[in-house]
Amino acid sequence: MTGPFNPEMAIRIMSGHGHGGFIGLTYHAHGPDWVEIALPWRADLVGDEASGVLASGPIISLLDNATSLSVWTRKKRFVPQATLDLRIDYLRAAKPGETVIAHAECYATKRSMSFVRAIAHDGDPSDPIAHAAGIFMRTAWPS
């Protein structure tokens, strides 16, 4: 990939591979230091068949991917990094049948660390499913 980092293109590439592809993450929107990606509801991602509520694992992956993408979006380039810390506070279950959106923002970058925050919601950002806060650590430097 040449030129500035493009989160829409990155999600298209990721959607064909790995865990993000398996759970079906899709691009939703982005700005200079934030990204939104979506996790469409699917029956095979449900954690409780009786209620139809999504399992927590796909929502954790959604938030991890969105926060990581927000770092690259802010830096305007892909930088190898590792999730050093990602705290997720669940407020409620996702509504059965609804797409979950993660809105993630990289609010600060330092020499080797980037700081992020995010919410996951199913249609109303003022009624979030979960909040996340995390730190990504750069794992490689240009030579």
C-alpha atoms as a PDB file:
ATOM      1  CA  MET A   1       0.000   0.000   0.000  1.00  0.00           C
ATOM      2  CA  THR A   2       1.491   3.367  -1.018  1.00  0.00           C
ATOM      3  CA  GLY A   3       0.404   6.841   0.020  1.00  0.00           C
ATOM      4  CA  PRO A   4      -1.407   7.694   3.241  1.00  0.00           C
ATOM      5  CA  PHE A   5      -3.041   4.875   5.181  1.00  0.00           C
ATOM      6  CA  ASN A   6      -6.576   4.248   3.947  1.00  0.00           C
ATOM      7  CA  PRO A   7      -8.808   2.506   6.527  1.00  0.00           C
ATOM      8  CA  GLU A   8     -11.489   1.685   3.963  1.00  0.00           C
ATOM      9  CA  MET A   9      -8.964  -0.155   1.793  1.00  0.00           C
ATOM     10  CA  ALA A  10      -7.408  -1.838   4.845  1.00  0.00           C
ATOM     11  CA  ILE A  11     -10.780  -3.241   5.945  1.00  0.00           C
ATOM     12  CA  ARG A  12     -11.427  -4.507   2.401  1.00  0.00           C
ATOM     13  CA  ILE A  13      -8.072  -6.319   2.463  1.00  0.00           C
ATOM     14  CA  MET A  14      -8.606  -7.629   6.013  1.00  0.00           C
ATOM     15  CA  SER A  15     -12.127  -8.841   5.221  1.00  0.00           C
ATOM     16  CA  GLY A  16     -10.680 -11.506   2.977  1.00  0.00           C
ATOM     17  CA  HIS A  17      -8.301 -12.910   5.583  1.00  0.00           C
ATOM     18  CA  GLY A  18      -7.897 -13.934   9.200  1.00  0.00           C
ATOM     19  CA  HIS A  19     -10.176 -13.380  12.127  1.00  0.00           C
ATOM     20  CA  GLY A  20     -11.600 -10.042  10.960  1.00  0.00           C
ATOM     21  CA  GLY A  21     -12.589 -11.696   7.703  1.00  0.00           C
ATOM     22  CA  PHE A  22     -14.094 -14.699   9.463  1.00  0.00           C
ATOM     23  CA  ILE A  23     -16.357 -12.580  11.675  1.00  0.00           C
ATOM     24  CA  GLY A  24     -17.254 -10.276   8.773  1.00  0.00           C
ATOM     25  CA  LEU A  25     -15.944  -6.855   9.813  1.00  0.00           C
ATOM     26  CA  THR A  26     -16.815  -4.096   7.324  1.00  0.00           C
ATOM     27  CA  TYR A  27     -15.833  -0.461   6.839  1.00  0.00           C
ATOM     28  CA  HIS A  28     -18.308   2.147   8.074  1.00  0.00           C
ATOM     29  CA  ALA A  29     -16.582   5.589   8.212  1.00  0.00           C
ATOM     30  CA  HIS A  30     -13.417   7.420   9.269  1.00  0.00           C
ATOM     31  CA  GLY A  31     -11.926  10.832  10.005  1.00  0.00           C
ATOM     32  CA  PRO A  32      -8.401  12.138  10.689  1.00  0.00           C
ATOM     33  CA  ASP A  33      -7.933  10.204  13.948  1.00  0.00           C
ATOM     34  CA  TRP A  34     -10.986   7.953  14.182  1.00  0.00           C
ATOM     35  CA  VAL A  35     -12.434   4.916  12.458  1.00  0.00           C
ATOM     36  CA  GLU A  36     -15.805   3.182  12.483  1.00  0.00           C
ATOM     37  CA  ILE A  37     -16.140  -0.453  11.518  1.00  0.00           C
ATOM     38  CA  ALA A  38     -19.194  -2.675  11.633  1.00  0.00           C
ATOM     39  CA  LEU A  39     -19.898  -6.201  12.781  1.00  0.00           C
ATOM     40  CA  PRO A  40     -23.072  -7.396  11.063  1.00  0.00           C
ATOM     41  CA  TRP A  41     -25.209  -9.746  13.163  1.00  0.00           C
ATOM     42  CA  ARG A  42     -24.891 -13.388  12.167  1.00  0.00           C
ATOM     43  CA  ALA A  43     -26.445 -16.453  13.773  1.00  0.00           C
ATOM     44  CA  ASP A  44     -23.087 -18.239  14.001  1.00  0.00           C
ATOM     45  CA  LEU A  45     -21.702 -15.392  16.156  1.00  0.00           C
ATOM     46  CA  VAL A  46     -24.484 -15.673  18.734  1.00  0.00           C
ATOM     47  CA  GLY A  47     -23.377 -16.619  22.226  1.00  0.00           C
ATOM     48  CA  ASP A  48     -26.823 -17.425  23.635  1.00  0.00           C
ATOM     49  CA  GLU A  49     -29.166 -19.105  21.169  1.00  0.00           C
ATOM     50  CA  ALA A  50     -32.218 -18.528  23.367  1.00  0.00           C
ATOM     51  CA  SER A  51     -31.805 -14.742  23.274  1.00  0.00           C
ATOM     52  CA  GLY A  52     -29.963 -14.252  19.955  1.00  0.00           C
ATOM     53  CA  VAL A  53     -27.362 -12.021  21.658  1.00  0.00           C
ATOM     54  CA  LEU A  54     -23.923 -11.868  20.037  1.00  0.00           C
ATOM     55  CA  ALA A  55     -21.064 -13.510  21.904  1.00  0.00           C
ATOM     56  CA  SER A  56     -18.544 -11.175  23.536  1.00  0.00           C
ATOM     57  CA  GLY A  57     -15.563 -12.465  21.496  1.00  0.00           C
ATOM     58  CA  PRO A  58     -16.605 -10.910  18.171  1.00  0.00           C
ATOM     59  CA  ILE A  59     -17.315  -7.587  19.916  1.00  0.00           C
ATOM     60  CA  ILE A  60     -13.864  -7.673  21.551  1.00  0.00           C
ATOM     61  CA  SER A  61     -12.315  -8.330  18.112  1.00  0.00           C
ATOM     62  CA  LEU A  62     -14.361  -5.500  16.621  1.00  0.00           C
ATOM     63  CA  LEU A  63     -13.073  -3.045  19.239  1.00  0.00           C
ATOM     64  CA  ASP A  64      -9.472  -4.292  18.961  1.00  0.00           C
ATOM     65  CA  ASN A  65      -9.502  -3.924  15.167  1.00  0.00           C
ATOM     66  CA  ALA A  66     -11.175  -0.506  15.234  1.00  0.00           C
ATOM     67  CA  THR A  67      -8.778   0.931  17.823  1.00  0.00           C
ATOM     68  CA  SER A  68      -5.772  -0.442  15.940  1.00  0.00           C
ATOM     69  CA  LEU A  69      -7.019   1.087  12.688  1.00  0.00           C
ATOM     70  CA  SER A  70      -7.509   4.439  14.440  1.00  0.00           C
ATOM     71  CA  VAL A  71      -3.777   4.520  15.285  1.00  0.00           C
ATOM     72  CA  TRP A  72      -2.754   3.943  11.672  1.00  0.00           C
ATOM     73  CA  THR A  73      -5.315   6.491  10.510  1.00  0.00           C
ATOM     74  CA  ARG A  74      -3.903   9.145  12.864  1.00  0.00           C
ATOM     75  CA  LYS A  75      -0.312   8.315  11.878  1.00  0.00           C
ATOM     76  CA  LYS A  76      -1.338   8.226   8.193  1.00  0.00           C
ATOM     77  CA  ARG A  77       0.673   5.023   7.721  1.00  0.00           C
ATOM     78  CA  PHE A  78       0.796   1.393   8.767  1.00  0.00           C
ATOM     79  CA  VAL A  79       3.083   0.897  11.751  1.00  0.00           C
ATOM     80  CA  PRO A  80       3.666  -2.607  13.168  1.00  0.00           C
ATOM     81  CA  GLN A  81       2.185  -2.628  16.665  1.00  0.00           C
ATOM     82  CA  ALA A  82       0.893  -4.865  19.416  1.00  0.00           C
ATOM     83  CA  THR A  83      -2.107  -4.423  21.660  1.00  0.00           C
ATOM     84  CA  LEU A  84      -0.397  -3.712  24.983  1.00  0.00           C
ATOM     85  CA  ASP A  85      -3.581  -3.078  26.945  1.00  0.00           C
ATOM     86  CA  LEU A  86      -7.249  -3.066  25.992  1.00  0.00           C
ATOM     87  CA  ARG A  87      -9.825  -2.653  28.723  1.00  0.00           C
ATOM     88  CA  ILE A  88     -13.434  -3.262  27.746  1.00  0.00           C
ATOM     89  CA  ASP A  89     -16.361  -2.383  29.991  1.00  0.00           C
ATOM     90  CA  TYR A  90     -19.623  -4.008  28.928  1.00  0.00           C
ATOM     91  CA  LEU A  91     -22.706  -1.950  29.733  1.00  0.00           C
ATOM     92  CA  ARG A  92     -25.358  -4.154  28.152  1.00  0.00           C
ATOM     93  CA  ALA A  93     -25.954  -6.929  25.632  1.00  0.00           C
ATOM     94  CA  ALA A  94     -26.167  -6.120  21.933  1.00  0.00           C
ATOM     95  CA  LYS A  95     -29.677  -6.190  20.510  1.00  0.00           C
ATOM     96  CA  PRO A  96     -30.337  -9.455  18.644  1.00  0.00           C
ATOM     97  CA  GLY A  97     -30.328  -9.053  14.869  1.00  0.00           C
ATOM     98  CA  GLU A  98     -28.601  -5.636  14.902  1.00  0.00           C
ATOM     99  CA  THR A  99     -25.247  -4.650  13.411  1.00  0.00           C
ATOM    100  CA  VAL A 100     -22.731  -3.475  16.004  1.00  0.00           C
ATOM    101  CA  ILE A 101     -20.654  -0.395  15.145  1.00  0.00           C
ATOM    102  CA  ALA A 102     -17.343   0.434  16.808  1.00  0.00           C
ATOM    103  CA  HIS A 103     -16.276   4.076  16.855  1.00  0.00           C
ATOM    104  CA  ALA A 104     -12.590   4.231  17.815  1.00  0.00           C
ATOM    105  CA  GLU A 105     -10.347   7.247  18.267  1.00  0.00           C
ATOM    106  CA  CYS A 106      -6.581   7.510  18.671  1.00  0.00           C
ATOM    107  CA  TYR A 107      -6.348  10.540  20.950  1.00  0.00           C
ATOM    108  CA  ALA A 108      -2.579  10.612  21.625  1.00  0.00           C
ATOM    109  CA  THR A 109       0.622   9.193  20.191  1.00  0.00           C
ATOM    110  CA  LYS A 110       4.070   9.164  21.790  1.00  0.00           C
ATOM    111  CA  ARG A 111       7.407   7.731  20.602  1.00  0.00           C
ATOM    112  CA  SER A 112       6.423   4.088  20.968  1.00  0.00           C
ATOM    113  CA  MET A 113       2.880   4.199  22.384  1.00  0.00           C
ATOM    114  CA  SER A 114      -0.531   5.177  21.023  1.00  0.00           C
ATOM    115  CA  PHE A 115      -3.569   5.756  23.231  1.00  0.00           C
ATOM    116  CA  VAL A 116      -7.077   4.885  22.088  1.00  0.00           C
ATOM    117  CA  ARG A 117     -10.699   4.895  23.226  1.00  0.00           C
ATOM    118  CA  ALA A 118     -13.812   3.452  21.654  1.00  0.00           C
ATOM    119  CA  ILE A 119     -17.461   2.624  22.032  1.00  0.00           C
ATOM    120  CA  ALA A 120     -19.501  -0.151  20.486  1.00  0.00           C
ATOM    121  CA  HIS A 121     -23.189   0.492  19.823  1.00  0.00           C
ATOM    122  CA  ASP A 122     -26.026  -1.044  17.849  1.00  0.00           C
ATOM    123  CA  GLY A 123     -27.536   2.077  16.346  1.00  0.00           C
ATOM    124  CA  ASP A 124     -27.491   4.705  19.085  1.00  0.00           C
ATOM    125  CA  PRO A 125     -24.042   5.971  20.172  1.00  0.00           C
ATOM    126  CA  SER A 126     -25.629   7.515  23.279  1.00  0.00           C
ATOM    127  CA  ASP A 127     -26.642   3.986  24.398  1.00  0.00           C
ATOM    128  CA  PRO A 128     -23.371   2.041  24.050  1.00  0.00           C
ATOM    129  CA  ILE A 129     -22.932  -1.694  24.427  1.00  0.00           C
ATOM    130  CA  ALA A 130     -19.348  -1.276  25.601  1.00  0.00           C
ATOM    131  CA  HIS A 131     -16.580   1.242  26.205  1.00  0.00           C
ATOM    132  CA  ALA A 132     -12.919   0.484  25.503  1.00  0.00           C
ATOM    133  CA  ALA A 133      -9.635   2.158  26.393  1.00  0.00           C
ATOM    134  CA  GLY A 134      -6.253   0.891  25.328  1.00  0.00           C
ATOM    135  CA  ILE A 135      -2.620   1.318  24.473  1.00  0.00           C
ATOM    136  CA  PHE A 136      -0.804   0.049  21.399  1.00  0.00           C
ATOM    137  CA  MET A 137       2.973  -0.351  21.399  1.00  0.00           C
ATOM    138  CA  ARG A 138       5.039   0.099  18.272  1.00  0.00           C
ATOM    139  CA  THR A 139       6.960  -3.122  17.558  1.00  0.00           C
ATOM    140  CA  ALA A 140       9.271  -1.997  14.741  1.00  0.00           C
ATOM    141  CA  TRP A 141      11.082   1.148  13.687  1.00  0.00           C
ATOM    142  CA  PRO A 142      12.156   2.158  10.195  1.00  0.00           C
ATOM    143  CA  SER A 143      15.827   1.534   9.500  1.00  0.00           C
END
